[in-house]
Amino acid sequence: MATTFVDYTGDGNATKAFSFPSYQESDIKVEVDNVLKTTSTHYNITSYTTTGGGNVVFTAGNIPTSPSAIR
């Protein structure tokens, strides 16, 4: 089975890369400490492709710090 998620621990950096394929950008969902976050409010997706992934970039005031669990 293909990997369809990436786990990170918050470290104060706004950008988290992902490299799994998806059908469309809106398929990408982000959770911090098991709470679903909202695109454009909590984060944006940059450098997105359907085959290569992209970057989750958290917006100011929403950047997870340690020990936050990011998925």
PDB file of N, CA and C in Angstrom:
ATOM      1  N   MET A   1       0.837  -1.181   0.000  1.00  0.00           N
ATOM      2  CA  MET A   1       0.000   0.000   0.000  1.00  0.00           C
ATOM      3  C   MET A   1       0.880   1.242   0.000  1.00  0.00           C
ATOM      4  N   ALA A   2       0.511   2.239  -0.752  1.00  0.00           N
ATOM      5  CA  ALA A   2       1.273   3.481  -0.853  1.00  0.00           C
ATOM      6  C   ALA A   2       1.101   4.326   0.405  1.00  0.00           C
ATOM      7  N   THR A   3       2.150   5.053   0.750  1.00  0.00           N
ATOM      8  CA  THR A   3       2.079   5.969   1.880  1.00  0.00           C
ATOM      9  C   THR A   3       1.221   7.157   1.496  1.00  0.00           C
ATOM     10  N   THR A   4       0.247   7.474   2.328  1.00  0.00           N
ATOM     11  CA  THR A   4      -0.653   8.585   2.030  1.00  0.00           C
ATOM     12  C   THR A   4      -0.663   9.627   3.134  1.00  0.00           C
ATOM     13  N   PHE A   5       0.351   9.574   4.006  1.00  0.00           N
ATOM     14  CA  PHE A   5       0.476  10.593   5.029  1.00  0.00           C
ATOM     15  C   PHE A   5       1.927  10.703   5.457  1.00  0.00           C
ATOM     16  N   VAL A   6       2.241  11.807   6.125  1.00  0.00           N
ATOM     17  CA  VAL A   6       3.565  12.021   6.692  1.00  0.00           C
ATOM     18  C   VAL A   6       3.346  12.534   8.105  1.00  0.00           C
ATOM     19  N   ASP A   7       4.093  11.995   9.059  1.00  0.00           N
ATOM     20  CA  ASP A   7       4.034  12.470  10.442  1.00  0.00           C
ATOM     21  C   ASP A   7       5.244  13.333  10.739  1.00  0.00           C
ATOM     22  N   TYR A   8       4.999  14.449  11.401  1.00  0.00           N
ATOM     23  CA  TYR A   8       6.060  15.333  11.866  1.00  0.00           C
ATOM     24  C   TYR A   8       5.783  15.697  13.311  1.00  0.00           C
ATOM     25  N   THR A   9       6.815  16.148  13.995  1.00  0.00           N
ATOM     26  CA  THR A   9       6.661  16.768  15.310  1.00  0.00           C
ATOM     27  C   THR A   9       6.947  18.244  15.116  1.00  0.00           C
ATOM     28  N   GLY A  10       6.080  19.079  15.660  1.00  0.00           N
ATOM     29  CA  GLY A  10       6.264  20.524  15.522  1.00  0.00           C
ATOM     30  C   GLY A  10       7.638  20.945  16.001  1.00  0.00           C
ATOM     31  N   ASP A  11       8.251  21.861  15.253  1.00  0.00           N
ATOM     32  CA  ASP A  11       9.590  22.331  15.601  1.00  0.00           C
ATOM     33  C   ASP A  11       9.738  23.836  15.383  1.00  0.00           C
ATOM     34  N   GLY A  12       8.620  24.518  15.146  1.00  0.00           N
ATOM     35  CA  GLY A  12       8.672  25.955  14.935  1.00  0.00           C
ATOM     36  C   GLY A  12       8.931  26.367  13.504  1.00  0.00           C
ATOM     37  N   ASN A  13       9.192  25.392  12.612  1.00  0.00           N
ATOM     38  CA  ASN A  13       9.382  25.707  11.197  1.00  0.00           C
ATOM     39  C   ASN A  13       8.035  25.654  10.492  1.00  0.00           C
ATOM     40  N   ALA A  14       7.781  26.628   9.638  1.00  0.00           N
ATOM     41  CA  ALA A  14       6.478  26.758   8.997  1.00  0.00           C
ATOM     42  C   ALA A  14       6.242  25.762   7.869  1.00  0.00           C
ATOM     43  N   THR A  15       7.289  25.261   7.237  1.00  0.00           N
ATOM     44  CA  THR A  15       7.143  24.435   6.037  1.00  0.00           C
ATOM     45  C   THR A  15       7.406  22.963   6.323  1.00  0.00           C
ATOM     46  N   LYS A  16       6.475  22.121   5.873  1.00  0.00           N
ATOM     47  CA  LYS A  16       6.609  20.670   5.980  1.00  0.00           C
ATOM     48  C   LYS A  16       6.347  20.081   4.598  1.00  0.00           C
ATOM     49  N   ALA A  17       7.284  19.293   4.090  1.00  0.00           N
ATOM     50  CA  ALA A  17       7.178  18.703   2.751  1.00  0.00           C
ATOM     51  C   ALA A  17       6.418  17.383   2.802  1.00  0.00           C
ATOM     52  N   PHE A  18       5.741  17.068   1.703  1.00  0.00           N
ATOM     53  CA  PHE A  18       5.141  15.746   1.535  1.00  0.00           C
ATOM     54  C   PHE A  18       5.384  15.318   0.098  1.00  0.00           C
ATOM     55  N   SER A  19       5.527  13.998  -0.117  1.00  0.00           N
ATOM     56  CA  SER A  19       5.892  13.534  -1.450  1.00  0.00           C
ATOM     57  C   SER A  19       4.972  12.440  -1.986  1.00  0.00           C
ATOM     58  N   PHE A  20       3.843  12.225  -1.342  1.00  0.00           N
ATOM     59  CA  PHE A  20       2.930  11.195  -1.842  1.00  0.00           C
ATOM     60  C   PHE A  20       1.992  11.784  -2.900  1.00  0.00           C
ATOM     61  N   PRO A  21       1.550  10.958  -3.845  1.00  0.00           N
ATOM     62  CA  PRO A  21       0.637  11.429  -4.894  1.00  0.00           C
ATOM     63  C   PRO A  21      -0.785  11.606  -4.374  1.00  0.00           C
ATOM     64  N   SER A  22      -1.548  12.453  -5.041  1.00  0.00           N
ATOM     65  CA  SER A  22      -2.962  12.662  -4.719  1.00  0.00           C
ATOM     66  C   SER A  22      -3.686  13.077  -5.988  1.00  0.00           C
ATOM     67  N   TYR A  23      -4.990  12.997  -5.970  1.00  0.00           N
ATOM     68  CA  TYR A  23      -5.763  13.343  -7.159  1.00  0.00           C
ATOM     69  C   TYR A  23      -5.868  14.845  -7.374  1.00  0.00           C
ATOM     70  N   GLN A  24      -6.006  15.587  -6.267  1.00  0.00           N
ATOM     71  CA  GLN A  24      -6.113  17.046  -6.373  1.00  0.00           C
ATOM     72  C   GLN A  24      -5.658  17.679  -5.067  1.00  0.00           C
ATOM     73  N   GLU A  25      -5.305  18.941  -5.120  1.00  0.00           N
ATOM     74  CA  GLU A  25      -4.785  19.636  -3.948  1.00  0.00           C
ATOM     75  C   GLU A  25      -5.760  19.591  -2.773  1.00  0.00           C
ATOM     76  N   SER A  26      -7.046  19.664  -3.047  1.00  0.00           N
ATOM     77  CA  SER A  26      -8.041  19.662  -1.966  1.00  0.00           C
ATOM     78  C   SER A  26      -8.106  18.321  -1.223  1.00  0.00           C
ATOM     79  N   ASP A  27      -7.462  17.284  -1.753  1.00  0.00           N
ATOM     80  CA  ASP A  27      -7.398  15.998  -1.055  1.00  0.00           C
ATOM     81  C   ASP A  27      -6.423  16.043   0.127  1.00  0.00           C
ATOM     82  N   ILE A  28      -5.553  17.019   0.165  1.00  0.00           N
ATOM     83  CA  ILE A  28      -4.552  17.115   1.227  1.00  0.00           C
ATOM     84  C   ILE A  28      -5.202  17.715   2.468  1.00  0.00           C
ATOM     85  N   LYS A  29      -5.147  16.954   3.555  1.00  0.00           N
ATOM     86  CA  LYS A  29      -5.708  17.388   4.837  1.00  0.00           C
ATOM     87  C   LYS A  29      -4.581  17.441   5.856  1.00  0.00           C
ATOM     88  N   VAL A  30      -4.640  18.407   6.766  1.00  0.00           N
ATOM     89  CA  VAL A  30      -3.595  18.581   7.770  1.00  0.00           C
ATOM     90  C   VAL A  30      -4.237  18.563   9.151  1.00  0.00           C
ATOM     91  N   GLU A  31      -3.651  17.755  10.040  1.00  0.00           N
ATOM     92  CA  GLU A  31      -4.087  17.711  11.431  1.00  0.00           C
ATOM     93  C   GLU A  31      -2.911  18.081  12.321  1.00  0.00           C
ATOM     94  N   VAL A  32      -3.207  18.847  13.365  1.00  0.00           N
ATOM     95  CA  VAL A  32      -2.222  19.142  14.402  1.00  0.00           C
ATOM     96  C   VAL A  32      -2.846  18.691  15.715  1.00  0.00           C
ATOM     97  N   ASP A  33      -2.169  17.786  16.406  1.00  0.00           N
ATOM     98  CA  ASP A  33      -2.683  17.190  17.645  1.00  0.00           C
ATOM     99  C   ASP A  33      -4.101  16.654  17.450  1.00  0.00           C
ATOM    100  N   ASN A  34      -4.306  15.946  16.324  1.00  0.00           N
ATOM    101  CA  ASN A  34      -5.579  15.298  15.975  1.00  0.00           C
ATOM    102  C   ASN A  34      -6.731  16.269  15.720  1.00  0.00           C
ATOM    103  N   VAL A  35      -6.416  17.537  15.464  1.00  0.00           N
ATOM    104  CA  VAL A  35      -7.434  18.538  15.123  1.00  0.00           C
ATOM    105  C   VAL A  35      -7.244  18.922  13.662  1.00  0.00           C
ATOM    106  N   LEU A  36      -8.285  18.723  12.858  1.00  0.00           N
ATOM    107  CA  LEU A  36      -8.223  19.060  11.438  1.00  0.00           C
ATOM    108  C   LEU A  36      -8.093  20.572  11.268  1.00  0.00           C
ATOM    109  N   LYS A  37      -7.124  20.991  10.478  1.00  0.00           N
ATOM    110  CA  LYS A  37      -6.885  22.414  10.227  1.00  0.00           C
ATOM    111  C   LYS A  37      -7.488  22.821   8.885  1.00  0.00           C
ATOM    112  N   THR A  38      -7.659  24.117   8.686  1.00  0.00           N
ATOM    113  CA  THR A  38      -8.330  24.659   7.503  1.00  0.00           C
ATOM    114  C   THR A  38      -7.324  25.314   6.568  1.00  0.00           C
ATOM    115  N   THR A  39      -7.393  24.919   5.283  1.00  0.00           N
ATOM    116  CA  THR A  39      -6.515  25.538   4.294  1.00  0.00           C
ATOM    117  C   THR A  39      -6.857  27.019   4.159  1.00  0.00           C
ATOM    118  N   SER A  40      -5.879  27.817   3.881  1.00  0.00           N
ATOM    119  CA  SER A  40      -5.941  29.277   3.757  1.00  0.00           C
ATOM    120  C   SER A  40      -6.051  29.981   5.105  1.00  0.00           C
ATOM    121  N   THR A  41      -6.535  29.300   6.133  1.00  0.00           N
ATOM    122  CA  THR A  41      -6.601  29.896   7.473  1.00  0.00           C
ATOM    123  C   THR A  41      -5.386  29.462   8.285  1.00  0.00           C
ATOM    124  N   HIS A  42      -5.170  28.158   8.380  1.00  0.00           N
ATOM    125  CA  HIS A  42      -4.081  27.617   9.182  1.00  0.00           C
ATOM    126  C   HIS A  42      -2.837  27.287   8.354  1.00  0.00           C
ATOM    127  N   TYR A  43      -3.025  26.984   7.067  1.00  0.00           N
ATOM    128  CA  TYR A  43      -1.900  26.591   6.215  1.00  0.00           C
ATOM    129  C   TYR A  43      -2.259  26.806   4.747  1.00  0.00           C
ATOM    130  N   ASN A  44      -1.233  26.783   3.915  1.00  0.00           N
ATOM    131  CA  ASN A  44      -1.383  26.815   2.459  1.00  0.00           C
ATOM    132  C   ASN A  44      -0.541  25.687   1.879  1.00  0.00           C
ATOM    133  N   ILE A  45      -0.904  25.257   0.684  1.00  0.00           N
ATOM    134  CA  ILE A  45      -0.141  24.243  -0.033  1.00  0.00           C
ATOM    135  C   ILE A  45       0.629  24.960  -1.146  1.00  0.00           C
ATOM    136  N   THR A  46       1.946  24.712  -1.223  1.00  0.00           N
ATOM    137  CA  THR A  46       2.765  25.326  -2.267  1.00  0.00           C
ATOM    138  C   THR A  46       3.500  24.234  -3.038  1.00  0.00           C
ATOM    139  N   SER A  47       3.949  24.577  -4.223  1.00  0.00           N
ATOM    140  CA  SER A  47       4.725  23.665  -5.091  1.00  0.00           C
ATOM    141  C   SER A  47       4.026  22.331  -5.295  1.00  0.00           C
ATOM    142  N   TYR A  48       2.709  22.342  -5.382  1.00  0.00           N
ATOM    143  CA  TYR A  48       1.922  21.115  -5.464  1.00  0.00           C
ATOM    144  C   TYR A  48       1.919  20.504  -6.857  1.00  0.00           C
ATOM    145  N   THR A  49       2.068  19.173  -6.906  1.00  0.00           N
ATOM    146  CA  THR A  49       1.810  18.401  -8.116  1.00  0.00           C
ATOM    147  C   THR A  49       1.062  17.139  -7.698  1.00  0.00           C
ATOM    148  N   THR A  50       0.275  16.591  -8.601  1.00  0.00           N
ATOM    149  CA  THR A  50      -0.493  15.388  -8.272  1.00  0.00           C
ATOM    150  C   THR A  50       0.401  14.168  -8.080  1.00  0.00           C
ATOM    151  N   THR A  51       1.569  14.166  -8.695  1.00  0.00           N
ATOM    152  CA  THR A  51       2.449  13.006  -8.612  1.00  0.00           C
ATOM    153  C   THR A  51       3.576  13.157  -7.601  1.00  0.00           C
ATOM    154  N   GLY A  52       3.943  14.379  -7.259  1.00  0.00           N
ATOM    155  CA  GLY A  52       5.117  14.574  -6.418  1.00  0.00           C
ATOM    156  C   GLY A  52       4.893  15.221  -5.084  1.00  0.00           C
ATOM    157  N   GLY A  53       3.642  15.569  -4.762  1.00  0.00           N
ATOM    158  CA  GLY A  53       3.376  16.187  -3.470  1.00  0.00           C
ATOM    159  C   GLY A  53       3.553  17.690  -3.498  1.00  0.00           C
ATOM    160  N   GLY A  54       4.189  18.216  -2.465  1.00  0.00           N
ATOM    161  CA  GLY A  54       4.370  19.659  -2.345  1.00  0.00           C
ATOM    162  C   GLY A  54       4.778  20.018  -0.929  1.00  0.00           C
ATOM    163  N   ASN A  55       4.396  21.214  -0.500  1.00  0.00           N
ATOM    164  CA  ASN A  55       4.723  21.702   0.830  1.00  0.00           C
ATOM    165  C   ASN A  55       3.483  22.213   1.529  1.00  0.00           C
ATOM    166  N   VAL A  56       3.383  21.907   2.806  1.00  0.00           N
ATOM    167  CA  VAL A  56       2.391  22.531   3.672  1.00  0.00           C
ATOM    168  C   VAL A  56       3.123  23.687   4.331  1.00  0.00           C
ATOM    169  N   VAL A  57       2.607  24.898   4.192  1.00  0.00           N
ATOM    170  CA  VAL A  57       3.214  26.066   4.806  1.00  0.00           C
ATOM    171  C   VAL A  57       2.204  26.651   5.788  1.00  0.00           C
ATOM    172  N   PHE A  58       2.496  26.537   7.074  1.00  0.00           N
ATOM    173  CA  PHE A  58       1.605  27.062   8.100  1.00  0.00           C
ATOM    174  C   PHE A  58       1.643  28.588   8.096  1.00  0.00           C
ATOM    175  N   THR A  59       0.500  29.197   8.323  1.00  0.00           N
ATOM    176  CA  THR A  59       0.391  30.656   8.340  1.00  0.00           C
ATOM    177  C   THR A  59       0.871  31.207   9.686  1.00  0.00           C
ATOM    178  N   ALA A  60       1.173  32.498   9.711  1.00  0.00           N
ATOM    179  CA  ALA A  60       1.645  33.159  10.924  1.00  0.00           C
ATOM    180  C   ALA A  60       0.645  32.934  12.061  1.00  0.00           C
ATOM    181  N   GLY A  61       1.165  32.597  13.214  1.00  0.00           N
ATOM    182  CA  GLY A  61       0.324  32.332  14.376  1.00  0.00           C
ATOM    183  C   GLY A  61      -0.204  30.911  14.441  1.00  0.00           C
ATOM    184  N   ASN A  62       0.062  30.099  13.408  1.00  0.00           N
ATOM    185  CA  ASN A  62      -0.416  28.721  13.365  1.00  0.00           C
ATOM    186  C   ASN A  62       0.710  27.707  13.203  1.00  0.00           C
ATOM    187  N   ILE A  63       1.937  28.132  13.395  1.00  0.00           N
ATOM    188  CA  ILE A  63       3.084  27.250  13.213  1.00  0.00           C
ATOM    189  C   ILE A  63       3.234  26.356  14.444  1.00  0.00           C
ATOM    190  N   PRO A  64       3.128  25.032  14.269  1.00  0.00           N
ATOM    191  CA  PRO A  64       3.215  24.124  15.414  1.00  0.00           C
ATOM    192  C   PRO A  64       4.617  24.089  16.033  1.00  0.00           C
ATOM    193  N   THR A  65       4.647  24.047  17.344  1.00  0.00           N
ATOM    194  CA  THR A  65       5.900  23.911  18.071  1.00  0.00           C
ATOM    195  C   THR A  65       5.921  22.572  18.786  1.00  0.00           C
ATOM    196  N   SER A  66       7.074  22.198  19.299  1.00  0.00           N
ATOM    197  CA  SER A  66       7.223  20.935  20.008  1.00  0.00           C
ATOM    198  C   SER A  66       6.353  20.955  21.261  1.00  0.00           C
ATOM    199  N   PRO A  67       5.669  19.907  21.576  1.00  0.00           N
ATOM    200  CA  PRO A  67       5.683  18.566  21.015  1.00  0.00           C
ATOM    201  C   PRO A  67       4.474  18.271  20.120  1.00  0.00           C
ATOM    202  N   SER A  68       3.938  19.258  19.438  1.00  0.00           N
ATOM    203  CA  SER A  68       2.741  19.058  18.598  1.00  0.00           C
ATOM    204  C   SER A  68       2.950  17.962  17.570  1.00  0.00           C
ATOM    205  N   ALA A  69       1.932  17.110  17.414  1.00  0.00           N
ATOM    206  CA  ALA A  69       1.958  16.048  16.414  1.00  0.00           C
ATOM    207  C   ALA A  69       1.274  16.550  15.142  1.00  0.00           C
ATOM    208  N   ILE A  70       1.980  16.491  14.018  1.00  0.00           N
ATOM    209  CA  ILE A  70       1.458  16.970  12.735  1.00  0.00           C
ATOM    210  C   ILE A  70       1.289  15.771  11.823  1.00  0.00           C
ATOM    211  N   ARG A  71       0.144  15.674  11.188  1.00  0.00           N
ATOM    212  CA  ARG A  71      -0.094  14.599  10.192  1.00  0.00           C
ATOM    213  C   ARG A  71      -0.762  15.250   9.007  1.00  0.00           C
TER     214      ARG A  71
END
